[in-house]
């Protein structure tokens, strides 16, 4: 019975989140993405699943005015913030865009959420935010710090975070790359022989996020 916003809704985790949220009977689900094609695909798919109102918003989380307008117009109660650049080598090669999208985008969304007195805000982070050794991990740790600081400043919004390892079959996951390399007869390329990877399924990841939203108190 709530109004839900999912950012990065066209991505693998965002779209799985949308599918599971639909099953929980929200009043309305607002799906936001800066990729027109990704938004088009998830919008069409969700409309085949449900009669619940689905509202597609084509914008970036860095667009503060548009975000604030959306939160107020659709009376959003809960935000699941999945929008981010998460491919480690790509962000390493494009650090300023990673910073703008992951850090400034999160800040913009948090600021608008506090102004709109959103009830619940869940950030999807990464295990790479733990003692980060790359730009992507550092931007996600910075995003976490933004939420932690915001929680100290508000009593109206519950800010929570979840960290994932590798999500099987998600966009940018190493698993499809390994499958492709195996089909070609190898070799498998690894970042480093000592890398430890932790895996979960898309369904598990989405359930973790939804549980965090219902259990978290900030």
N, C-alpha and C. Protein backbone atom coordinates (compact mmCIF):
# COMPACT_ATOMS: atom_id res chain seq x y z
N UNK A 1 0.79 -1.22 0.00
CA UNK A 1 0.00 0.00 0.00
C UNK A 1 0.82 1.27 0.00
N UNK A 2 2.12 1.15 -0.29
CA UNK A 2 3.01 2.33 -0.28
C UNK A 2 3.37 2.74 -1.71
N UNK A 3 3.86 3.97 -1.82
CA UNK A 3 4.41 4.46 -3.09
C UNK A 3 5.92 4.24 -3.07
N UNK A 4 6.41 3.47 -4.03
CA UNK A 4 7.80 3.03 -4.04
C UNK A 4 8.54 3.64 -5.23
N UNK A 5 9.78 4.09 -4.99
CA UNK A 5 10.66 4.53 -6.08
C UNK A 5 11.87 3.60 -6.13
N UNK A 6 12.16 3.08 -7.31
CA UNK A 6 13.38 2.29 -7.53
C UNK A 6 14.25 3.04 -8.53
N UNK A 7 15.45 3.46 -8.10
CA UNK A 7 16.39 4.08 -9.05
C UNK A 7 17.24 2.98 -9.67
N UNK A 8 17.69 3.21 -10.90
CA UNK A 8 18.42 2.16 -11.60
C UNK A 8 17.52 0.98 -11.88
N UNK A 9 16.23 1.26 -12.10
CA UNK A 9 15.22 0.20 -12.22
C UNK A 9 15.43 -0.68 -13.45
N UNK A 10 16.15 -0.16 -14.45
CA UNK A 10 16.38 -0.95 -15.66
C UNK A 10 17.55 -1.90 -15.55
N UNK A 11 18.34 -1.78 -14.48
CA UNK A 11 19.49 -2.67 -14.29
C UNK A 11 19.05 -4.03 -13.80
N UNK A 12 20.00 -4.97 -13.69
CA UNK A 12 19.65 -6.33 -13.31
C UNK A 12 19.09 -6.40 -11.90
N UNK A 13 19.73 -5.74 -10.94
CA UNK A 13 19.24 -5.76 -9.57
C UNK A 13 17.98 -4.91 -9.44
N UNK A 14 17.98 -3.73 -10.07
CA UNK A 14 16.81 -2.86 -10.02
C UNK A 14 15.57 -3.53 -10.58
N UNK A 15 15.71 -4.22 -11.71
CA UNK A 15 14.54 -4.85 -12.34
C UNK A 15 14.05 -6.04 -11.51
N UNK A 16 14.97 -6.80 -10.92
CA UNK A 16 14.56 -7.90 -10.04
C UNK A 16 13.84 -7.37 -8.80
N UNK A 17 14.34 -6.25 -8.28
CA UNK A 17 13.67 -5.59 -7.15
C UNK A 17 12.23 -5.23 -7.52
N UNK A 18 12.07 -4.63 -8.69
CA UNK A 18 10.73 -4.24 -9.15
C UNK A 18 9.79 -5.44 -9.20
N UNK A 19 10.29 -6.55 -9.74
CA UNK A 19 9.44 -7.76 -9.86
C UNK A 19 8.98 -8.23 -8.48
N UNK A 20 9.91 -8.20 -7.51
CA UNK A 20 9.54 -8.69 -6.18
C UNK A 20 8.66 -7.69 -5.43
N UNK A 21 8.89 -6.40 -5.64
CA UNK A 21 8.05 -5.37 -5.00
C UNK A 21 6.61 -5.47 -5.49
N UNK A 22 6.44 -5.72 -6.79
CA UNK A 22 5.10 -5.84 -7.37
C UNK A 22 4.29 -6.91 -6.64
N UNK A 23 4.96 -8.02 -6.26
CA UNK A 23 4.27 -9.12 -5.57
C UNK A 23 3.77 -8.72 -4.19
N UNK A 24 4.34 -7.63 -3.64
CA UNK A 24 3.98 -7.20 -2.28
C UNK A 24 2.91 -6.10 -2.28
N UNK A 25 2.29 -5.90 -3.45
CA UNK A 25 1.13 -5.00 -3.59
C UNK A 25 1.37 -3.57 -3.14
N UNK A 26 2.32 -2.86 -3.76
CA UNK A 26 2.44 -1.43 -3.47
C UNK A 26 1.26 -0.68 -4.07
N UNK A 27 1.07 0.54 -3.61
CA UNK A 27 0.04 1.39 -4.22
C UNK A 27 0.49 1.81 -5.62
N UNK A 28 1.77 2.17 -5.73
CA UNK A 28 2.33 2.68 -6.98
C UNK A 28 3.83 2.39 -6.97
N UNK A 29 4.40 2.08 -8.14
CA UNK A 29 5.84 1.91 -8.24
C UNK A 29 6.38 2.85 -9.31
N UNK A 30 7.30 3.71 -8.92
CA UNK A 30 7.93 4.66 -9.83
C UNK A 30 9.31 4.10 -10.18
N UNK A 31 9.55 3.91 -11.47
CA UNK A 31 10.82 3.32 -11.91
C UNK A 31 11.65 4.39 -12.61
N UNK A 32 12.87 4.56 -12.17
CA UNK A 32 13.73 5.64 -12.66
C UNK A 32 15.02 5.06 -13.23
N UNK A 33 15.39 5.53 -14.41
CA UNK A 33 16.67 5.11 -15.00
C UNK A 33 17.10 6.16 -16.02
N UNK A 34 18.42 6.29 -16.24
CA UNK A 34 18.87 7.25 -17.26
C UNK A 34 19.10 6.57 -18.60
N UNK A 35 18.89 5.24 -18.68
CA UNK A 35 18.96 4.53 -19.95
C UNK A 35 17.54 4.38 -20.51
N UNK A 36 17.29 5.00 -21.65
CA UNK A 36 15.95 4.96 -22.23
C UNK A 36 15.53 3.53 -22.57
N UNK A 37 16.42 2.77 -23.16
CA UNK A 37 16.07 1.41 -23.58
C UNK A 37 15.82 0.50 -22.37
N UNK A 38 16.68 0.64 -21.35
CA UNK A 38 16.50 -0.18 -20.14
C UNK A 38 15.17 0.15 -19.46
N UNK A 39 14.83 1.44 -19.41
CA UNK A 39 13.57 1.87 -18.80
C UNK A 39 12.38 1.37 -19.61
N UNK A 40 12.50 1.45 -20.92
CA UNK A 40 11.44 0.96 -21.82
C UNK A 40 11.19 -0.53 -21.58
N UNK A 41 12.26 -1.31 -21.46
CA UNK A 41 12.12 -2.77 -21.29
C UNK A 41 11.45 -3.11 -19.96
N UNK A 42 11.91 -2.53 -18.87
CA UNK A 42 11.36 -2.88 -17.56
C UNK A 42 9.93 -2.35 -17.42
N UNK A 43 9.64 -1.20 -18.00
CA UNK A 43 8.28 -0.65 -17.96
C UNK A 43 7.30 -1.58 -18.66
N UNK A 44 7.66 -2.03 -19.86
CA UNK A 44 6.80 -2.94 -20.61
C UNK A 44 6.62 -4.26 -19.87
N UNK A 45 7.70 -4.76 -19.31
CA UNK A 45 7.64 -6.05 -18.60
C UNK A 45 6.73 -5.96 -17.38
N UNK A 46 6.88 -4.91 -16.57
CA UNK A 46 6.08 -4.79 -15.35
C UNK A 46 4.59 -4.64 -15.68
N UNK A 47 4.29 -3.98 -16.77
CA UNK A 47 2.88 -3.78 -17.13
C UNK A 47 2.22 -5.08 -17.57
N UNK A 48 3.01 -6.08 -17.95
CA UNK A 48 2.43 -7.40 -18.25
C UNK A 48 2.18 -8.20 -16.97
N UNK A 49 2.79 -7.77 -15.84
CA UNK A 49 2.68 -8.51 -14.58
C UNK A 49 1.53 -8.03 -13.71
N UNK A 50 1.14 -6.76 -13.85
CA UNK A 50 0.30 -6.17 -12.81
C UNK A 50 -0.59 -5.05 -13.35
N UNK A 51 -1.64 -4.76 -12.58
CA UNK A 51 -2.49 -3.59 -12.86
C UNK A 51 -2.10 -2.42 -11.96
N UNK A 52 -1.12 -2.64 -11.07
CA UNK A 52 -0.63 -1.56 -10.21
C UNK A 52 -0.02 -0.47 -11.08
N UNK A 53 -0.20 0.79 -10.67
CA UNK A 53 0.32 1.92 -11.45
C UNK A 53 1.85 1.87 -11.51
N UNK A 54 2.39 1.85 -12.72
CA UNK A 54 3.84 1.89 -12.94
C UNK A 54 4.16 3.19 -13.66
N UNK A 55 5.07 4.00 -13.06
CA UNK A 55 5.39 5.31 -13.63
C UNK A 55 6.87 5.34 -14.01
N UNK A 56 7.20 5.37 -15.31
CA UNK A 56 8.61 5.44 -15.73
C UNK A 56 9.11 6.89 -15.74
N UNK A 57 10.28 7.11 -15.14
CA UNK A 57 10.90 8.44 -15.12
C UNK A 57 12.28 8.32 -15.76
N UNK A 58 12.45 9.00 -16.89
CA UNK A 58 13.71 8.97 -17.62
C UNK A 58 14.57 10.15 -17.20
N UNK A 59 15.46 9.92 -16.24
CA UNK A 59 16.35 10.98 -15.77
C UNK A 59 17.52 10.35 -15.02
N UNK A 60 18.46 11.18 -14.60
CA UNK A 60 19.59 10.74 -13.79
C UNK A 60 19.37 11.14 -12.34
N UNK A 61 19.90 10.33 -11.42
CA UNK A 61 19.77 10.68 -9.99
C UNK A 61 20.53 11.95 -9.65
N UNK A 62 21.39 12.42 -10.55
CA UNK A 62 22.12 13.67 -10.30
C UNK A 62 21.24 14.90 -10.54
N UNK A 63 20.07 14.71 -11.14
CA UNK A 63 19.19 15.83 -11.48
C UNK A 63 18.29 16.15 -10.27
N UNK A 64 18.81 16.96 -9.36
CA UNK A 64 18.15 17.20 -8.07
C UNK A 64 16.72 17.72 -8.22
N UNK A 65 16.51 18.72 -9.05
CA UNK A 65 15.18 19.32 -9.19
C UNK A 65 14.16 18.30 -9.68
N UNK A 66 14.57 17.50 -10.65
CA UNK A 66 13.67 16.48 -11.19
C UNK A 66 13.35 15.41 -10.14
N UNK A 67 14.38 15.03 -9.36
CA UNK A 67 14.19 14.04 -8.30
C UNK A 67 13.21 14.57 -7.25
N UNK A 68 13.43 15.80 -6.79
CA UNK A 68 12.57 16.40 -5.77
C UNK A 68 11.12 16.48 -6.27
N UNK A 69 10.96 16.91 -7.51
CA UNK A 69 9.63 17.00 -8.12
C UNK A 69 8.94 15.63 -8.13
N UNK A 70 9.71 14.60 -8.50
CA UNK A 70 9.16 13.23 -8.59
C UNK A 70 8.73 12.72 -7.21
N UNK A 71 9.58 12.93 -6.20
CA UNK A 71 9.27 12.46 -4.85
C UNK A 71 7.98 13.10 -4.33
N UNK A 72 7.82 14.38 -4.60
CA UNK A 72 6.64 15.09 -4.09
C UNK A 72 5.39 14.77 -4.91
N UNK A 73 5.53 14.75 -6.23
CA UNK A 73 4.37 14.50 -7.09
C UNK A 73 3.75 13.14 -6.82
N UNK A 74 4.61 12.12 -6.66
CA UNK A 74 4.10 10.75 -6.50
C UNK A 74 4.07 10.31 -5.04
N UNK A 75 4.28 11.26 -4.12
CA UNK A 75 4.17 11.01 -2.69
C UNK A 75 4.90 9.74 -2.27
N UNK A 76 6.18 9.69 -2.63
CA UNK A 76 6.99 8.49 -2.40
C UNK A 76 7.20 8.25 -0.91
N UNK A 77 7.01 6.99 -0.50
CA UNK A 77 7.26 6.58 0.89
C UNK A 77 8.62 5.91 1.06
N UNK A 78 8.98 5.07 0.08
CA UNK A 78 10.20 4.26 0.19
C UNK A 78 11.02 4.35 -1.09
N UNK A 79 12.34 4.52 -0.92
CA UNK A 79 13.27 4.56 -2.05
C UNK A 79 14.24 3.39 -1.95
N UNK A 80 14.37 2.66 -3.05
CA UNK A 80 15.44 1.67 -3.20
C UNK A 80 16.42 2.24 -4.22
N UNK A 81 17.61 2.58 -3.76
CA UNK A 81 18.59 3.28 -4.60
C UNK A 81 19.59 2.28 -5.19
N UNK A 82 19.27 1.81 -6.40
CA UNK A 82 20.13 0.83 -7.08
C UNK A 82 20.95 1.46 -8.20
N UNK A 83 20.71 2.74 -8.52
CA UNK A 83 21.41 3.38 -9.63
C UNK A 83 22.87 3.65 -9.26
N UNK A 84 23.77 3.10 -10.06
CA UNK A 84 25.21 3.33 -9.82
C UNK A 84 26.01 2.76 -10.98
N UNK A 85 27.20 3.32 -11.17
CA UNK A 85 28.20 2.66 -12.01
C UNK A 85 28.94 1.68 -11.11
N UNK A 86 29.00 0.41 -11.51
CA UNK A 86 29.54 -0.60 -10.59
C UNK A 86 30.62 -1.48 -11.21
N UNK A 87 30.93 -1.27 -12.48
CA UNK A 87 31.93 -2.10 -13.13
C UNK A 87 33.32 -1.57 -12.79
N UNK A 88 34.08 -2.33 -12.00
CA UNK A 88 35.33 -1.82 -11.41
C UNK A 88 36.30 -1.28 -12.46
N UNK A 89 36.67 -2.05 -13.50
CA UNK A 89 37.64 -1.50 -14.47
C UNK A 89 37.11 -0.28 -15.21
N UNK A 90 35.80 -0.25 -15.51
CA UNK A 90 35.25 0.88 -16.26
C UNK A 90 35.28 2.16 -15.43
N UNK A 91 34.96 2.04 -14.13
CA UNK A 91 35.00 3.23 -13.26
C UNK A 91 36.45 3.66 -13.03
N UNK A 92 37.36 2.68 -13.00
CA UNK A 92 38.78 3.01 -12.85
C UNK A 92 39.26 3.87 -14.02
N UNK A 93 38.73 3.59 -15.21
CA UNK A 93 39.11 4.34 -16.41
C UNK A 93 38.36 5.67 -16.53
N UNK A 94 37.22 5.78 -15.83
CA UNK A 94 36.38 6.99 -15.90
C UNK A 94 36.02 7.45 -14.49
N UNK A 95 37.03 7.85 -13.72
CA UNK A 95 36.77 8.13 -12.29
C UNK A 95 35.83 9.31 -12.04
N UNK A 96 35.91 10.35 -12.86
CA UNK A 96 35.08 11.53 -12.60
C UNK A 96 33.61 11.22 -12.83
N UNK A 97 33.32 10.40 -13.84
CA UNK A 97 31.93 10.02 -14.08
C UNK A 97 31.43 9.10 -12.97
N UNK A 98 32.31 8.24 -12.46
CA UNK A 98 31.96 7.39 -11.33
C UNK A 98 31.62 8.22 -10.11
N UNK A 99 32.43 9.24 -9.87
CA UNK A 99 32.21 10.13 -8.72
C UNK A 99 30.89 10.88 -8.88
N UNK A 100 30.66 11.42 -10.08
CA UNK A 100 29.43 12.19 -10.29
C UNK A 100 28.19 11.31 -10.12
N UNK A 101 28.20 10.13 -10.72
CA UNK A 101 27.02 9.28 -10.67
C UNK A 101 26.81 8.65 -9.30
N UNK A 102 27.88 8.08 -8.73
CA UNK A 102 27.73 7.32 -7.49
C UNK A 102 27.68 8.21 -6.24
N UNK A 103 28.55 9.21 -6.19
CA UNK A 103 28.60 10.05 -4.99
C UNK A 103 27.60 11.20 -5.09
N UNK A 104 27.73 12.02 -6.13
CA UNK A 104 26.85 13.19 -6.24
C UNK A 104 25.39 12.77 -6.48
N UNK A 105 25.20 11.66 -7.21
CA UNK A 105 23.85 11.14 -7.42
C UNK A 105 23.20 10.72 -6.12
N UNK A 106 23.97 10.02 -5.26
CA UNK A 106 23.44 9.61 -3.96
C UNK A 106 23.15 10.83 -3.09
N UNK A 107 24.06 11.80 -3.10
CA UNK A 107 23.86 13.02 -2.30
C UNK A 107 22.59 13.75 -2.74
N UNK A 108 22.40 13.87 -4.04
CA UNK A 108 21.21 14.53 -4.59
C UNK A 108 19.93 13.83 -4.12
N UNK A 109 19.95 12.50 -4.17
CA UNK A 109 18.78 11.71 -3.78
C UNK A 109 18.51 11.80 -2.28
N UNK A 110 19.58 11.75 -1.49
CA UNK A 110 19.44 11.85 -0.03
C UNK A 110 18.90 13.22 0.37
N UNK A 111 19.44 14.27 -0.24
CA UNK A 111 19.01 15.64 0.05
C UNK A 111 17.52 15.81 -0.28
N UNK A 112 17.11 15.32 -1.44
CA UNK A 112 15.70 15.43 -1.85
C UNK A 112 14.81 14.59 -0.93
N UNK A 113 15.32 13.45 -0.48
CA UNK A 113 14.55 12.57 0.42
C UNK A 113 14.30 13.24 1.76
N UNK A 114 15.31 13.90 2.29
CA UNK A 114 15.16 14.59 3.57
C UNK A 114 14.17 15.76 3.43
N UNK A 115 14.25 16.46 2.31
CA UNK A 115 13.35 17.58 2.09
C UNK A 115 11.90 17.11 1.93
N UNK A 116 11.73 15.90 1.39
CA UNK A 116 10.39 15.35 1.15
C UNK A 116 9.91 14.48 2.31
N UNK A 117 10.78 14.30 3.33
CA UNK A 117 10.45 13.48 4.50
C UNK A 117 10.04 12.06 4.11
N UNK A 118 10.86 11.44 3.26
CA UNK A 118 10.66 10.04 2.88
C UNK A 118 10.75 9.17 4.13
N UNK A 119 9.96 8.09 4.17
CA UNK A 119 9.98 7.22 5.35
C UNK A 119 11.23 6.33 5.39
N UNK A 120 11.53 5.68 4.26
CA UNK A 120 12.59 4.67 4.24
C UNK A 120 13.44 4.82 2.98
N UNK A 121 14.76 4.76 3.16
CA UNK A 121 15.71 4.89 2.05
C UNK A 121 16.72 3.75 2.19
N UNK A 122 16.82 2.91 1.17
CA UNK A 122 17.76 1.79 1.20
C UNK A 122 18.76 1.95 0.06
N UNK A 123 20.03 2.04 0.43
CA UNK A 123 21.12 2.13 -0.56
C UNK A 123 21.67 0.74 -0.83
N UNK A 124 21.83 0.41 -2.10
CA UNK A 124 22.49 -0.83 -2.47
C UNK A 124 23.97 -0.55 -2.65
N UNK A 125 24.77 -1.08 -1.75
CA UNK A 125 26.21 -0.87 -1.78
C UNK A 125 26.91 -2.16 -2.22
N UNK A 126 28.16 -2.30 -1.88
CA UNK A 126 28.97 -3.40 -2.38
C UNK A 126 30.01 -3.81 -1.35
N UNK A 127 30.43 -5.06 -1.42
CA UNK A 127 31.52 -5.50 -0.53
C UNK A 127 32.83 -4.77 -0.85
N UNK A 128 32.89 -4.16 -2.04
CA UNK A 128 34.10 -3.43 -2.42
C UNK A 128 34.22 -2.08 -1.70
N UNK A 129 33.17 -1.73 -0.93
CA UNK A 129 33.22 -0.51 -0.11
C UNK A 129 33.99 -0.75 1.20
N UNK A 130 34.31 -2.01 1.48
CA UNK A 130 35.06 -2.35 2.69
C UNK A 130 36.54 -2.10 2.42
N UNK A 131 37.14 -1.16 3.14
CA UNK A 131 38.55 -0.80 2.91
C UNK A 131 38.84 -0.73 1.40
N UNK A 132 38.21 0.19 0.69
CA UNK A 132 38.23 0.17 -0.77
C UNK A 132 39.63 0.28 -1.37
N UNK A 133 39.85 -0.53 -2.40
CA UNK A 133 41.14 -0.54 -3.10
C UNK A 133 40.97 -0.10 -4.55
N UNK A 134 39.76 0.36 -4.90
CA UNK A 134 39.53 0.86 -6.26
C UNK A 134 38.55 2.03 -6.21
N UNK A 135 38.46 2.76 -7.31
CA UNK A 135 37.63 3.97 -7.35
C UNK A 135 36.16 3.63 -7.10
N UNK A 136 35.67 2.57 -7.76
CA UNK A 136 34.27 2.21 -7.59
C UNK A 136 33.95 1.94 -6.12
N UNK A 137 34.78 1.14 -5.46
CA UNK A 137 34.57 0.85 -4.04
C UNK A 137 34.61 2.10 -3.18
N UNK A 138 35.52 3.00 -3.52
CA UNK A 138 35.64 4.26 -2.76
C UNK A 138 34.39 5.12 -2.93
N UNK A 139 33.83 5.17 -4.16
CA UNK A 139 32.62 5.97 -4.38
C UNK A 139 31.44 5.39 -3.61
N UNK A 140 31.37 4.08 -3.52
CA UNK A 140 30.27 3.45 -2.79
C UNK A 140 30.44 3.64 -1.28
N UNK A 141 31.69 3.61 -0.80
CA UNK A 141 31.92 3.89 0.63
C UNK A 141 31.52 5.33 0.94
N UNK A 142 31.85 6.25 0.02
CA UNK A 142 31.48 7.65 0.19
C UNK A 142 29.95 7.77 0.26
N UNK A 143 29.26 7.01 -0.59
CA UNK A 143 27.79 7.02 -0.59
C UNK A 143 27.25 6.56 0.75
N UNK A 144 27.88 5.53 1.32
CA UNK A 144 27.47 5.04 2.64
C UNK A 144 27.64 6.13 3.70
N UNK A 145 28.76 6.83 3.62
CA UNK A 145 29.03 7.90 4.60
C UNK A 145 27.99 9.02 4.50
N UNK A 146 27.53 9.29 3.27
CA UNK A 146 26.48 10.30 3.07
C UNK A 146 25.21 9.87 3.82
N UNK A 147 24.84 8.60 3.70
CA UNK A 147 23.65 8.10 4.39
C UNK A 147 23.83 8.14 5.91
N UNK A 148 25.03 7.76 6.38
CA UNK A 148 25.27 7.76 7.82
C UNK A 148 25.19 9.17 8.38
N UNK A 149 25.72 10.14 7.64
CA UNK A 149 25.65 11.54 8.07
C UNK A 149 24.20 12.03 8.05
N UNK A 150 23.45 11.64 7.01
CA UNK A 150 22.05 12.06 6.89
C UNK A 150 21.22 11.51 8.05
N UNK A 151 21.53 10.27 8.46
CA UNK A 151 20.76 9.67 9.55
C UNK A 151 20.92 10.46 10.85
N UNK A 152 22.10 11.04 11.02
CA UNK A 152 22.35 11.86 12.22
C UNK A 152 21.58 13.18 12.19
N UNK A 153 21.12 13.56 10.99
CA UNK A 153 20.48 14.86 10.83
C UNK A 153 18.96 14.78 10.79
N UNK A 154 18.41 13.57 10.77
CA UNK A 154 16.96 13.44 10.60
C UNK A 154 16.37 12.42 11.56
N UNK A 155 15.12 12.63 11.92
CA UNK A 155 14.39 11.63 12.69
C UNK A 155 13.23 11.08 11.87
N UNK A 156 12.99 11.66 10.72
CA UNK A 156 11.82 11.28 9.92
C UNK A 156 12.12 10.16 8.92
N UNK A 157 13.37 10.05 8.48
CA UNK A 157 13.73 9.07 7.46
C UNK A 157 14.67 8.03 8.04
N UNK A 158 14.38 6.76 7.74
CA UNK A 158 15.27 5.67 8.12
C UNK A 158 16.19 5.36 6.93
N UNK A 159 17.48 5.64 7.09
CA UNK A 159 18.46 5.36 6.04
C UNK A 159 19.16 4.04 6.34
N UNK A 160 19.10 3.10 5.41
CA UNK A 160 19.75 1.79 5.58
C UNK A 160 20.58 1.46 4.35
N UNK A 161 21.53 0.54 4.54
CA UNK A 161 22.40 0.13 3.43
C UNK A 161 22.54 -1.38 3.43
N UNK A 162 22.69 -1.95 2.24
CA UNK A 162 23.05 -3.37 2.13
C UNK A 162 24.27 -3.47 1.23
N UNK A 163 25.16 -4.41 1.56
CA UNK A 163 26.33 -4.65 0.73
C UNK A 163 26.22 -6.02 0.08
N UNK A 164 26.48 -6.07 -1.21
CA UNK A 164 26.47 -7.33 -1.95
C UNK A 164 27.90 -7.73 -2.31
N UNK A 165 28.08 -9.04 -2.49
CA UNK A 165 29.24 -9.53 -3.23
C UNK A 165 28.82 -9.59 -4.70
N UNK A 166 29.34 -10.56 -5.43
CA UNK A 166 28.96 -10.71 -6.83
C UNK A 166 27.57 -11.33 -6.91
N UNK A 167 26.70 -10.71 -7.70
CA UNK A 167 25.37 -11.24 -7.91
C UNK A 167 25.37 -12.03 -9.21
N UNK A 168 25.06 -13.31 -9.12
CA UNK A 168 25.11 -14.18 -10.29
C UNK A 168 24.22 -13.66 -11.40
N UNK A 169 24.77 -13.57 -12.60
CA UNK A 169 24.03 -13.15 -13.80
C UNK A 169 23.60 -11.69 -13.79
N UNK A 170 24.09 -10.89 -12.84
CA UNK A 170 23.80 -9.46 -12.91
C UNK A 170 24.70 -8.82 -13.95
N UNK A 171 24.29 -7.67 -14.45
CA UNK A 171 25.11 -6.96 -15.44
C UNK A 171 26.44 -6.58 -14.80
N UNK A 172 27.52 -6.94 -15.46
CA UNK A 172 28.83 -6.60 -14.91
C UNK A 172 29.40 -7.68 -14.00
N UNK A 173 28.60 -8.72 -13.69
CA UNK A 173 29.13 -9.80 -12.86
C UNK A 173 30.21 -10.55 -13.62
N UNK A 174 31.13 -11.13 -12.88
CA UNK A 174 32.23 -11.85 -13.52
C UNK A 174 31.77 -13.19 -14.10
N UNK A 175 30.63 -13.71 -13.62
CA UNK A 175 30.21 -15.06 -14.02
C UNK A 175 29.91 -15.17 -15.52
N UNK A 176 29.12 -14.25 -16.12
CA UNK A 176 28.90 -14.36 -17.57
C UNK A 176 30.21 -14.29 -18.36
N UNK A 177 31.17 -13.50 -17.87
CA UNK A 177 32.47 -13.43 -18.52
C UNK A 177 33.17 -14.79 -18.47
N UNK A 178 33.16 -15.42 -17.28
CA UNK A 178 33.78 -16.75 -17.15
C UNK A 178 33.09 -17.76 -18.07
N UNK A 179 31.74 -17.71 -18.13
CA UNK A 179 31.01 -18.65 -19.00
C UNK A 179 31.41 -18.47 -20.46
N UNK A 180 31.54 -17.22 -20.88
CA UNK A 180 31.95 -16.92 -22.25
C UNK A 180 33.36 -17.45 -22.52
N UNK A 181 34.26 -17.26 -21.56
CA UNK A 181 35.65 -17.73 -21.73
C UNK A 181 35.72 -19.25 -21.78
N UNK A 182 34.88 -19.92 -20.96
CA UNK A 182 34.86 -21.39 -20.96
C UNK A 182 34.35 -21.91 -22.30
N UNK A 183 33.29 -21.28 -22.83
CA UNK A 183 32.73 -21.70 -24.12
C UNK A 183 33.77 -21.58 -25.23
N UNK A 184 34.64 -20.58 -25.12
CA UNK A 184 35.69 -20.39 -26.13
C UNK A 184 36.89 -21.31 -25.89
N UNK A 185 36.85 -22.09 -24.83
CA UNK A 185 37.97 -23.00 -24.54
C UNK A 185 39.03 -22.38 -23.64
N UNK A 186 38.71 -21.24 -23.01
CA UNK A 186 39.64 -20.62 -22.06
C UNK A 186 40.60 -19.67 -22.76
N UNK A 187 41.51 -19.07 -22.02
CA UNK A 187 41.70 -19.25 -20.58
C UNK A 187 40.74 -18.39 -19.75
N UNK A 188 40.58 -18.72 -18.47
CA UNK A 188 39.83 -17.88 -17.54
C UNK A 188 40.75 -16.77 -17.05
N UNK A 189 40.30 -15.54 -17.14
CA UNK A 189 41.12 -14.42 -16.67
C UNK A 189 40.67 -14.05 -15.26
N UNK A 190 41.61 -13.99 -14.34
CA UNK A 190 41.29 -13.58 -12.98
C UNK A 190 42.06 -12.30 -12.67
N UNK A 191 41.45 -11.45 -11.85
CA UNK A 191 42.08 -10.17 -11.50
C UNK A 191 43.40 -10.41 -10.79
N UNK A 192 43.38 -11.38 -9.86
CA UNK A 192 44.55 -11.69 -9.05
C UNK A 192 44.35 -13.09 -8.49
N UNK A 193 45.40 -13.91 -8.40
CA UNK A 193 45.24 -15.27 -7.88
C UNK A 193 44.68 -15.31 -6.45
N UNK A 194 44.86 -14.23 -5.69
CA UNK A 194 44.42 -14.22 -4.30
C UNK A 194 43.04 -13.59 -4.09
N UNK A 195 42.37 -13.21 -5.19
CA UNK A 195 41.05 -12.61 -5.05
C UNK A 195 40.07 -13.64 -4.47
N UNK A 196 39.27 -13.20 -3.49
CA UNK A 196 38.19 -14.02 -2.94
C UNK A 196 36.88 -13.39 -3.38
N UNK A 197 36.01 -14.22 -3.98
CA UNK A 197 34.73 -13.70 -4.46
C UNK A 197 33.59 -14.37 -3.71
N UNK A 198 32.56 -13.57 -3.39
CA UNK A 198 31.36 -14.09 -2.71
C UNK A 198 30.18 -13.91 -3.65
N UNK A 199 29.37 -14.94 -3.77
CA UNK A 199 28.28 -14.91 -4.75
C UNK A 199 26.92 -15.07 -4.09
N UNK A 200 25.91 -14.46 -4.70
CA UNK A 200 24.52 -14.70 -4.33
C UNK A 200 23.68 -14.56 -5.60
N UNK A 201 22.46 -15.08 -5.57
CA UNK A 201 21.59 -14.98 -6.75
C UNK A 201 20.88 -13.63 -6.77
N UNK A 202 20.36 -13.28 -7.94
CA UNK A 202 19.59 -12.03 -8.07
C UNK A 202 18.39 -12.02 -7.12
N UNK A 203 17.70 -13.17 -7.03
CA UNK A 203 16.52 -13.26 -6.16
C UNK A 203 16.91 -13.03 -4.71
N UNK A 204 18.02 -13.64 -4.28
CA UNK A 204 18.48 -13.46 -2.90
C UNK A 204 18.85 -12.00 -2.65
N UNK A 205 19.51 -11.39 -3.63
CA UNK A 205 19.94 -10.00 -3.48
C UNK A 205 18.73 -9.08 -3.30
N UNK A 206 17.70 -9.26 -4.13
CA UNK A 206 16.51 -8.41 -4.05
C UNK A 206 15.78 -8.62 -2.72
N UNK A 207 15.71 -9.87 -2.27
CA UNK A 207 15.05 -10.15 -0.99
C UNK A 207 15.81 -9.49 0.16
N UNK A 208 17.14 -9.51 0.08
CA UNK A 208 17.96 -8.86 1.11
C UNK A 208 17.63 -7.38 1.20
N UNK A 209 17.48 -6.74 0.06
CA UNK A 209 17.19 -5.30 0.02
C UNK A 209 15.82 -5.01 0.65
N UNK A 210 14.81 -5.80 0.26
CA UNK A 210 13.46 -5.58 0.77
C UNK A 210 13.42 -5.84 2.28
N UNK A 211 14.11 -6.88 2.74
CA UNK A 211 14.17 -7.17 4.18
C UNK A 211 14.85 -6.03 4.94
N UNK A 212 15.91 -5.49 4.35
CA UNK A 212 16.61 -4.37 4.99
C UNK A 212 15.67 -3.18 5.16
N UNK A 213 14.83 -2.96 4.16
CA UNK A 213 13.88 -1.85 4.23
C UNK A 213 12.85 -2.04 5.33
N UNK A 214 12.43 -3.28 5.55
CA UNK A 214 11.40 -3.53 6.56
C UNK A 214 11.99 -3.68 7.96
N UNK A 215 13.22 -4.17 8.07
CA UNK A 215 13.83 -4.43 9.37
C UNK A 215 14.67 -3.25 9.88
N UNK A 216 15.25 -2.51 8.96
CA UNK A 216 16.19 -1.45 9.34
C UNK A 216 15.52 -0.32 10.09
N UNK A 217 16.23 0.21 11.07
CA UNK A 217 15.72 1.37 11.83
C UNK A 217 16.66 2.57 11.66
N UNK A 218 17.54 2.51 10.67
CA UNK A 218 18.45 3.63 10.41
C UNK A 218 19.87 3.27 10.73
